[in-house]
C-alpha atoms as a PDB file:
ATOM      1  CA  MET A   1     111.314 113.473 116.196  1.00  0.00           C
ATOM      2  CA  GLY A   2     110.792 116.987 117.332  1.00  0.00           C
ATOM      3  CA  HIS A   3     111.663 118.780 120.166  1.00  0.00           C
ATOM      4  CA  ILE A   4     109.509 117.747 123.851  1.00  0.00           C
ATOM      5  CA  GLN A   5     106.687 119.470 123.634  1.00  0.00           C
ATOM      6  CA  THR A   6     103.478 119.925 125.528  1.00  0.00           C
ATOM      7  CA  LEU A   7      99.805 119.013 124.470  1.00  0.00           C
ATOM      8  CA  THR A   8      99.324 122.093 124.381  1.00  0.00           C
ATOM      9  CA  GLU A   9     102.128 122.906 121.845  1.00  0.00           C
ATOM     10  CA  PHE A  10     101.837 120.074 120.139  1.00  0.00           C
ATOM     11  CA  LEU A  11      98.224 120.406 119.003  1.00  0.00           C
ATOM     12  CA  PRO A  12      97.801 123.861 117.373  1.00  0.00           C
ATOM     13  CA  ALA A  13     100.524 122.491 115.409  1.00  0.00           C
ATOM     14  CA  ARG A  14      98.530 119.203 114.195  1.00  0.00           C
ATOM     15  CA  PHE A  15      95.155 120.856 113.612  1.00  0.00           C
ATOM     16  CA  ALA A  16      98.163 123.367 111.308  1.00  0.00           C
ATOM     17  CA  GLU A  17      98.749 120.726 109.745  1.00  0.00           C
ATOM     18  CA  ASP A  18      95.465 119.449 109.260  1.00  0.00           C
ATOM     19  CA  GLU A  19      94.244 122.578 107.967  1.00  0.00           C
ATOM     20  CA  ASP A  20      97.480 122.792 105.512  1.00  0.00           C
ATOM     21  CA  LEU A  21      96.140 119.154 104.402  1.00  0.00           C
ATOM     22  CA  LEU A  22      92.418 119.944 103.783  1.00  0.00           C
ATOM     23  CA  ARG A  23      93.647 123.307 101.709  1.00  0.00           C
ATOM     24  CA  GLY A  24      95.284 120.626  99.785  1.00  0.00           C
ATOM     25  CA  TRP A  25      92.907 118.619  99.180  1.00  0.00           C
ATOM     26  CA  LEU A  26      90.433 121.012  97.996  1.00  0.00           C
ATOM     27  CA  GLU A  27      92.516 122.128  95.558  1.00  0.00           C
ATOM     28  CA  ARG A  28      93.440 118.621  93.384  1.00  0.00           C
ATOM     29  CA  MET A  29      89.658 117.929  94.290  1.00  0.00           C
ATOM     30  CA  GLY A  30      88.908 121.342  92.490  1.00  0.00           C
ATOM     31  CA  ARG A  31      90.790 120.466  89.275  1.00  0.00           C
ATOM     32  CA  GLU A  32      90.599 116.378  89.131  1.00  0.00           C
ATOM     33  CA  ASP A  33      87.136 116.058  89.630  1.00  0.00           C
ATOM     34  CA  PRO A  34      85.227 118.912  89.197  1.00  0.00           C
ATOM     35  CA  ALA A  35      81.620 117.264  88.561  1.00  0.00           C
ATOM     36  CA  GLY A  36      82.222 116.391  92.817  1.00  0.00           C
ATOM     37  CA  ALA A  37      82.113 119.553  93.265  1.00  0.00           C
ATOM     38  CA  GLU A  38      78.873 119.916  95.285  1.00  0.00           C
ATOM     39  CA  THR A  39      79.846 116.534  97.192  1.00  0.00           C
ATOM     40  CA  HIS A  40      83.581 118.023  97.755  1.00  0.00           C
ATOM     41  CA  GLU A  41      82.207 121.611  99.311  1.00  0.00           C
ATOM     42  CA  LYS A  42      80.089 119.509 101.968  1.00  0.00           C
ATOM     43  CA  GLN A  43      83.063 117.580 103.362  1.00  0.00           C
ATOM     44  CA  ALA A  44      85.306 120.447 103.366  1.00  0.00           C
ATOM     45  CA  TRP A  45      82.853 122.076 105.160  1.00  0.00           C
ATOM     46  CA  ARG A  46      82.516 119.828 107.786  1.00  0.00           C
ATOM     47  CA  SER A  47      86.373 119.396 107.645  1.00  0.00           C
ATOM     48  CA  TRP A  48      86.656 123.285 108.108  1.00  0.00           C
ATOM     49  CA  ALA A  49      83.896 122.854 111.076  1.00  0.00           C
ATOM     50  CA  GLU A  50      85.583 120.059 112.352  1.00  0.00           C
ATOM     51  CA  LEU A  51      88.532 121.574 112.705  1.00  0.00           C
ATOM     52  CA  ALA A  52      87.348 124.913 114.314  1.00  0.00           C
ATOM     53  CA  LYS A  53      85.379 122.875 117.028  1.00  0.00           C
ATOM     54  CA  ASN A  54      88.752 121.317 118.154  1.00  0.00           C
ATOM     55  CA  ARG A  55      90.972 124.969 118.214  1.00  0.00           C
ATOM     56  CA  LEU A  56      87.582 125.829 120.418  1.00  0.00           C
ATOM     57  CA  ILE A  57      87.993 123.634 122.775  1.00  0.00           C
ATOM     58  CA  LEU A  58      91.797 123.850 122.761  1.00  0.00           C
ATOM     59  CA  ARG A  59      90.980 127.785 123.581  1.00  0.00           C
ATOM     60  CA  LEU A  60      88.488 126.401 126.229  1.00  0.00           C
ATOM     61  CA  HIS A  61      90.704 124.042 127.972  1.00  0.00           C
ATOM     62  CA  THR A  62      94.156 126.048 127.732  1.00  0.00           C
ATOM     63  CA  GLY A  63      95.797 126.879 131.446  1.00  0.00           C
ATOM     64  CA  PRO A  64      94.891 125.317 134.461  1.00  0.00           C
ATOM     65  CA  HIS A  65      91.215 124.963 134.771  1.00  0.00           C
ATOM     66  CA  VAL A  66      88.596 123.050 136.142  1.00  0.00           C
ATOM     67  CA  CYS A  67      86.965 120.793 133.869  1.00  0.00           C
ATOM     68  CA  PRO A  68      83.867 118.880 133.879  1.00  0.00           C
ATOM     69  CA  SER A  69      85.777 115.762 133.026  1.00  0.00           C
ATOM     70  CA  GLU A  70      87.444 116.069 136.521  1.00  0.00           C
ATOM     71  CA  PRO A  71      86.066 118.614 138.230  1.00  0.00           C
ATOM     72  CA  SER A  72      88.131 117.816 141.061  1.00  0.00           C
ATOM     73  CA  GLU A  73      91.478 118.241 139.666  1.00  0.00           C
ATOM     74  CA  LEU A  74      93.481 121.869 138.614  1.00  0.00           C
ATOM     75  CA  SER A  75      94.602 120.438 135.013  1.00  0.00           C
ATOM     76  CA  PRO A  76      96.209 122.510 132.440  1.00  0.00           C
ATOM     77  CA  GLU A  77      96.178 119.403 130.210  1.00  0.00           C
ATOM     78  CA  CYS A  78      92.782 117.680 130.790  1.00  0.00           C
ATOM     79  CA  SER A  79      91.241 114.441 129.644  1.00  0.00           C
ATOM     80  CA  THR A  80      89.335 116.573 127.251  1.00  0.00           C
ATOM     81  CA  MET A  81      92.563 117.530 125.707  1.00  0.00           C
ATOM     82  CA  ARG A  82      93.798 114.570 125.875  1.00  0.00           C
ATOM     83  CA  ALA A  83      90.738 113.339 123.686  1.00  0.00           C
ATOM     84  CA  LEU A  84      91.887 115.841 121.196  1.00  0.00           C
ATOM     85  CA  GLY A  85      95.101 114.291 120.798  1.00  0.00           C
ATOM     86  CA  LEU A  86      94.377 110.523 120.469  1.00  0.00           C
ATOM     87  CA  PRO A  87      93.428 111.167 116.906  1.00  0.00           C
ATOM     88  CA  TYR A  88      97.140 112.055 116.161  1.00  0.00           C
ATOM     89  CA  ALA A  89      98.376 109.250 118.609  1.00  0.00           C
ATOM     90  CA  GLU A  90     100.348 108.071 115.622  1.00  0.00           C
ATOM     91  CA  HIS A  91     102.226 111.076 115.208  1.00  0.00           C
ATOM     92  CA  PRO A  92     105.806 110.668 116.199  1.00  0.00           C
ATOM     93  CA  ASP A  93     105.761 113.378 118.791  1.00  0.00           C
ATOM     94  CA  TYR A  94     103.093 112.469 120.268  1.00  0.00           C
ATOM     95  CA  GLN A  95     103.926 111.068 123.554  1.00  0.00           C
ATOM     96  CA  ILE A  96     101.473 108.561 125.717  1.00  0.00           C
ATOM     97  CA  ALA A  97     101.328 110.379 128.784  1.00  0.00           C
ATOM     98  CA  TRP A  98      98.670 112.522 126.855  1.00  0.00           C
ATOM     99  CA  ARG A  99      96.531 109.697 126.451  1.00  0.00           C
ATOM    100  CA  PRO A 100      93.248 109.805 128.503  1.00  0.00           C
ATOM    101  CA  GLY A 101      93.046 107.164 131.115  1.00  0.00           C
ATOM    102  CA  PRO A 102      91.228 104.413 129.699  1.00  0.00           C
ATOM    103  CA  ALA A 103      93.121 104.527 126.473  1.00  0.00           C
ATOM    104  CA  ARG A 104      96.338 105.087 128.356  1.00  0.00           C
ATOM    105  CA  GLN A 105      95.741 101.946 130.530  1.00  0.00           C
ATOM    106  CA  ALA A 106      95.064  99.700 127.049  1.00  0.00           C
ATOM    107  CA  SER A 107      97.840 100.302 125.589  1.00  0.00           C
ATOM    108  CA  SER A 108     100.066  99.909 128.623  1.00  0.00           C
ATOM    109  CA  GLY A 109      98.439  96.627 129.038  1.00  0.00           C
END
């Protein structure tokens, strides 16, 4: 387990790992299955778009702000950011406190 970090530190690190995995996958697929290159290319574009979307959402939600999902609360880690973290819930540095309300309640009950 790494040092204690905030969700705004945790997410960019996971996105960087995802990017490295995607690059490695593309390199392997190009060598191992040239016949399926078109299918792999479509999947790669979707994956890059997903990564870009996540990074944009993080940038828009970093720092204290009023989030539409929590209009009465000024929060540096809103429900939107917490939702971005859910795919990484099995990571050893993920903190249960980051789960969005319903997911957090389901894991504790």
